[in-house]
Amino acid sequence: MKSIQRILFATDFSNASEAALERAIDLAKDNGAELLVTHVYEPPSRMSLDGYVLPQVYDEFESALREEAENRLSPLVSKAGKAGVKARSLLVKGIPYRAIARAAKTNDADLVVMGTHGRTGVARLFLGSVAARVISTAPCPVLTVRAA
């Protein structure tokens, strides 16, 4: 079996991601692996905003989204570092499941770790499951951690 050298932890900053971060840190420590603390942001399309938005206003909005995500990633990377894990943040733009799978491939991840909300039935049908889509598209194994 191939050793785990790089783990991509995908977070949406929800409670479901908290337990997954703990598991990702433990796995990284146990394997001496690097941890990529990853968030995907998806700005609204220009067409979905009400009316016309000046390009400068849209760019400022997207910049604010990036800055907020970077600010929220930083403490997660610090937490991993305090646990003795080599970690860095990775902020990616796109459709979450596609961007996570692409980031795993681009960064040669050996494992993706992510939380799952555990929705079932109609909620899952309408909301979909990012985790399920990542499982089916990622180039490496995916470990999902259900929220407590």
C-alpha atoms as a PDB file:
ATOM      1  CA  MET A   1       0.000   0.000   0.000  1.00  0.00           C
ATOM      2  CA  LYS A   2       1.256   3.471  -0.897  1.00  0.00           C
ATOM      3  CA  SER A   3       2.248   5.597   2.081  1.00  0.00           C
ATOM      4  CA  ILE A   4       0.325   8.760   2.836  1.00  0.00           C
ATOM      5  CA  GLN A   5       2.564  11.769   2.261  1.00  0.00           C
ATOM      6  CA  ARG A   6       0.031  14.507   1.518  1.00  0.00           C
ATOM      7  CA  ILE A   7      -3.511  14.859   2.836  1.00  0.00           C
ATOM      8  CA  LEU A   8      -5.971  17.334   1.414  1.00  0.00           C
ATOM      9  CA  PHE A   9      -8.462  18.365   4.089  1.00  0.00           C
ATOM     10  CA  ALA A  10     -11.469  20.098   2.523  1.00  0.00           C
ATOM     11  CA  THR A  11     -13.482  22.447   4.722  1.00  0.00           C
ATOM     12  CA  ASP A  12     -16.633  24.465   4.282  1.00  0.00           C
ATOM     13  CA  PHE A  13     -16.120  25.919   7.798  1.00  0.00           C
ATOM     14  CA  SER A  14     -19.189  24.083   9.099  1.00  0.00           C
ATOM     15  CA  ASN A  15     -19.514  21.990  12.251  1.00  0.00           C
ATOM     16  CA  ALA A  16     -19.224  18.922  10.045  1.00  0.00           C
ATOM     17  CA  SER A  17     -15.722  20.034   9.092  1.00  0.00           C
ATOM     18  CA  GLU A  18     -14.503  20.316  12.685  1.00  0.00           C
ATOM     19  CA  ALA A  19     -14.457  16.577  13.378  1.00  0.00           C
ATOM     20  CA  ALA A  20     -12.907  15.957   9.982  1.00  0.00           C
ATOM     21  CA  LEU A  21     -10.076  18.387  10.781  1.00  0.00           C
ATOM     22  CA  GLU A  22      -9.279  16.475  13.979  1.00  0.00           C
ATOM     23  CA  ARG A  23      -9.142  13.224  12.010  1.00  0.00           C
ATOM     24  CA  ALA A  24      -7.006  14.791   9.257  1.00  0.00           C
ATOM     25  CA  ILE A  25      -4.537  16.137  11.826  1.00  0.00           C
ATOM     26  CA  ASP A  26      -4.299  12.724  13.516  1.00  0.00           C
ATOM     27  CA  LEU A  27      -3.708  10.991  10.183  1.00  0.00           C
ATOM     28  CA  ALA A  28      -1.091  13.542   9.146  1.00  0.00           C
ATOM     29  CA  LYS A  29       0.725  13.125  12.486  1.00  0.00           C
ATOM     30  CA  ASP A  30       0.602   9.326  12.326  1.00  0.00           C
ATOM     31  CA  ASN A  31       1.982   9.284   8.778  1.00  0.00           C
ATOM     32  CA  GLY A  32       4.336  12.271   8.899  1.00  0.00           C
ATOM     33  CA  ALA A  33       2.256  13.725   6.078  1.00  0.00           C
ATOM     34  CA  GLU A  34       1.785  17.295   4.920  1.00  0.00           C
ATOM     35  CA  LEU A  35      -1.724  18.676   5.406  1.00  0.00           C
ATOM     36  CA  LEU A  36      -3.317  20.953   2.809  1.00  0.00           C
ATOM     37  CA  VAL A  37      -6.136  22.821   4.542  1.00  0.00           C
ATOM     38  CA  THR A  38      -8.377  23.560   1.587  1.00  0.00           C
ATOM     39  CA  HIS A  39     -11.462  25.682   1.047  1.00  0.00           C
ATOM     40  CA  VAL A  40     -13.350  26.170  -2.186  1.00  0.00           C
ATOM     41  CA  TYR A  41     -15.217  29.398  -2.691  1.00  0.00           C
ATOM     42  CA  GLU A  42     -17.767  29.854  -5.411  1.00  0.00           C
ATOM     43  CA  PRO A  43     -18.632  33.466  -6.182  1.00  0.00           C
ATOM     44  CA  PRO A  44     -22.040  33.997  -7.757  1.00  0.00           C
ATOM     45  CA  SER A  45     -22.066  34.268 -11.501  1.00  0.00           C
ATOM     46  CA  ARG A  46     -22.501  37.760 -12.822  1.00  0.00           C
ATOM     47  CA  MET A  47     -25.787  36.617 -14.328  1.00  0.00           C
ATOM     48  CA  SER A  48     -27.229  35.463 -10.984  1.00  0.00           C
ATOM     49  CA  LEU A  49     -26.893  38.871  -9.351  1.00  0.00           C
ATOM     50  CA  ASP A  50     -29.949  41.096  -9.564  1.00  0.00           C
ATOM     51  CA  GLY A  51     -29.494  43.539 -12.399  1.00  0.00           C
ATOM     52  CA  TYR A  52     -26.230  44.770 -13.808  1.00  0.00           C
ATOM     53  CA  VAL A  53     -23.181  44.903 -11.570  1.00  0.00           C
ATOM     54  CA  LEU A  54     -20.145  46.900 -12.566  1.00  0.00           C
ATOM     55  CA  PRO A  55     -17.072  44.705 -13.089  1.00  0.00           C
ATOM     56  CA  GLN A  56     -15.183  46.655 -10.417  1.00  0.00           C
ATOM     57  CA  VAL A  57     -17.953  45.999  -7.863  1.00  0.00           C
ATOM     58  CA  TYR A  58     -17.996  42.298  -8.740  1.00  0.00           C
ATOM     59  CA  ASP A  59     -14.194  42.110  -8.418  1.00  0.00           C
ATOM     60  CA  GLU A  60     -14.371  43.791  -5.012  1.00  0.00           C
ATOM     61  CA  PHE A  61     -17.039  41.305  -3.919  1.00  0.00           C
ATOM     62  CA  GLU A  62     -14.916  38.356  -5.037  1.00  0.00           C
ATOM     63  CA  SER A  63     -11.852  39.834  -3.329  1.00  0.00           C
ATOM     64  CA  ALA A  64     -13.812  40.142  -0.076  1.00  0.00           C
ATOM     65  CA  LEU A  65     -14.879  36.482  -0.367  1.00  0.00           C
ATOM     66  CA  ARG A  66     -11.247  35.425  -0.820  1.00  0.00           C
ATOM     67  CA  GLU A  67     -10.048  37.535   2.087  1.00  0.00           C
ATOM     68  CA  GLU A  68     -12.733  36.156   4.424  1.00  0.00           C
ATOM     69  CA  ALA A  69     -11.876  32.579   3.433  1.00  0.00           C
ATOM     70  CA  GLU A  70      -8.147  33.185   3.923  1.00  0.00           C
ATOM     71  CA  ASN A  71      -8.853  34.621   7.384  1.00  0.00           C
ATOM     72  CA  ARG A  72     -10.881  31.537   8.293  1.00  0.00           C
ATOM     73  CA  LEU A  73      -8.251  29.108   6.948  1.00  0.00           C
ATOM     74  CA  SER A  74      -5.416  30.623   8.956  1.00  0.00           C
ATOM     75  CA  PRO A  75      -6.514  29.369  12.415  1.00  0.00           C
ATOM     76  CA  LEU A  76      -7.038  25.865  11.014  1.00  0.00           C
ATOM     77  CA  VAL A  77      -3.500  25.793   9.634  1.00  0.00           C
ATOM     78  CA  SER A  78      -2.224  27.110  12.985  1.00  0.00           C
ATOM     79  CA  LYS A  79      -4.107  24.379  14.842  1.00  0.00           C
ATOM     80  CA  ALA A  80      -2.435  21.716  12.714  1.00  0.00           C
ATOM     81  CA  GLY A  81       0.949  23.357  13.218  1.00  0.00           C
ATOM     82  CA  LYS A  82       0.495  23.390  17.006  1.00  0.00           C
ATOM     83  CA  ALA A  83      -0.220  19.661  16.794  1.00  0.00           C
ATOM     84  CA  GLY A  84       3.152  19.170  15.094  1.00  0.00           C
ATOM     85  CA  VAL A  85       1.851  18.790  11.555  1.00  0.00           C
ATOM     86  CA  LYS A  86       3.352  20.535   8.534  1.00  0.00           C
ATOM     87  CA  ALA A  87       0.356  22.355   7.091  1.00  0.00           C
ATOM     88  CA  ARG A  88      -0.465  25.045   4.575  1.00  0.00           C
ATOM     89  CA  SER A  89      -3.642  26.628   3.294  1.00  0.00           C
ATOM     90  CA  LEU A  90      -5.024  26.184  -0.179  1.00  0.00           C
ATOM     91  CA  LEU A  91      -7.818  28.444  -1.400  1.00  0.00           C
ATOM     92  CA  VAL A  92      -9.502  27.363  -4.619  1.00  0.00           C
ATOM     93  CA  LYS A  93     -12.224  28.964  -6.729  1.00  0.00           C
ATOM     94  CA  GLY A  94     -14.846  26.835  -8.437  1.00  0.00           C
ATOM     95  CA  ILE A  95     -17.612  24.323  -8.003  1.00  0.00           C
ATOM     96  CA  PRO A  96     -16.730  22.585  -4.731  1.00  0.00           C
ATOM     97  CA  TYR A  97     -16.679  18.910  -5.721  1.00  0.00           C
ATOM     98  CA  ARG A  98     -14.849  19.573  -8.978  1.00  0.00           C
ATOM     99  CA  ALA A  99     -12.345  21.948  -7.391  1.00  0.00           C
ATOM    100  CA  ILE A 100     -11.579  19.531  -4.535  1.00  0.00           C
ATOM    101  CA  ALA A 101     -10.946  16.642  -6.947  1.00  0.00           C
ATOM    102  CA  ARG A 102      -8.823  18.875  -9.179  1.00  0.00           C
ATOM    103  CA  ALA A 103      -6.823  20.202  -6.202  1.00  0.00           C
ATOM    104  CA  ALA A 104      -6.207  16.646  -5.000  1.00  0.00           C
ATOM    105  CA  LYS A 105      -4.829  15.729  -8.415  1.00  0.00           C
ATOM    106  CA  THR A 106      -2.812  18.922  -8.917  1.00  0.00           C
ATOM    107  CA  ASN A 107      -1.238  18.675  -5.463  1.00  0.00           C
ATOM    108  CA  ASP A 108      -0.592  14.907  -5.609  1.00  0.00           C
ATOM    109  CA  ALA A 109      -2.749  14.229  -2.560  1.00  0.00           C
ATOM    110  CA  ASP A 110      -2.734  10.645  -1.338  1.00  0.00           C
ATOM    111  CA  LEU A 111      -5.947  11.106   0.635  1.00  0.00           C
ATOM    112  CA  VAL A 112      -8.827  13.576   0.852  1.00  0.00           C
ATOM    113  CA  VAL A 113     -10.479  14.052   4.251  1.00  0.00           C
ATOM    114  CA  MET A 114     -13.747  15.926   4.536  1.00  0.00           C
ATOM    115  CA  GLY A 115     -16.768  16.207   6.748  1.00  0.00           C
ATOM    116  CA  THR A 116     -20.245  15.237   5.747  1.00  0.00           C
ATOM    117  CA  HIS A 117     -23.484  16.654   7.063  1.00  0.00           C
ATOM    118  CA  GLY A 118     -25.165  13.261   6.869  1.00  0.00           C
ATOM    119  CA  ARG A 119     -28.267  14.452   5.067  1.00  0.00           C
ATOM    120  CA  THR A 120     -30.589  11.752   3.824  1.00  0.00           C
ATOM    121  CA  GLY A 121     -33.782  11.449   1.853  1.00  0.00           C
ATOM    122  CA  VAL A 122     -35.304  14.513   0.254  1.00  0.00           C
ATOM    123  CA  ALA A 123     -32.711  16.913   1.724  1.00  0.00           C
ATOM    124  CA  ARG A 124     -29.892  14.985   0.059  1.00  0.00           C
ATOM    125  CA  LEU A 125     -31.836  14.690  -3.191  1.00  0.00           C
ATOM    126  CA  PHE A 126     -32.333  18.451  -3.467  1.00  0.00           C
ATOM    127  CA  LEU A 127     -29.113  19.670  -1.858  1.00  0.00           C
ATOM    128  CA  GLY A 128     -26.877  16.965  -3.285  1.00  0.00           C
ATOM    129  CA  SER A 129     -23.791  15.753  -1.550  1.00  0.00           C
ATOM    130  CA  VAL A 130     -20.426  17.345  -2.201  1.00  0.00           C
ATOM    131  CA  ALA A 131     -18.815  14.421  -0.366  1.00  0.00           C
ATOM    132  CA  ALA A 132     -20.506  11.837  -2.589  1.00  0.00           C
ATOM    133  CA  ARG A 133     -19.410  13.675  -5.709  1.00  0.00           C
ATOM    134  CA  VAL A 134     -15.832  14.015  -4.440  1.00  0.00           C
ATOM    135  CA  ILE A 135     -15.761  10.280  -3.695  1.00  0.00           C
ATOM    136  CA  SER A 136     -16.757   9.533  -7.267  1.00  0.00           C
ATOM    137  CA  THR A 137     -14.346  11.998  -8.921  1.00  0.00           C
ATOM    138  CA  ALA A 138     -11.239  12.223  -6.727  1.00  0.00           C
ATOM    139  CA  PRO A 139      -8.012  10.652  -7.998  1.00  0.00           C
ATOM    140  CA  CYS A 140      -7.272   9.176  -4.544  1.00  0.00           C
ATOM    141  CA  PRO A 141      -9.147   7.644  -1.598  1.00  0.00           C
ATOM    142  CA  VAL A 142     -11.585   9.898   0.259  1.00  0.00           C
ATOM    143  CA  LEU A 143     -12.318   9.624   3.969  1.00  0.00           C
ATOM    144  CA  THR A 144     -15.577  11.214   5.053  1.00  0.00           C
ATOM    145  CA  VAL A 145     -16.178  12.043   8.706  1.00  0.00           C
ATOM    146  CA  ARG A 146     -19.756  12.428   9.767  1.00  0.00           C
ATOM    147  CA  ALA A 147     -20.636  15.351  12.021  1.00  0.00           C
ATOM    148  CA  ALA A 148     -21.185  14.314  15.641  1.00  0.00           C
END
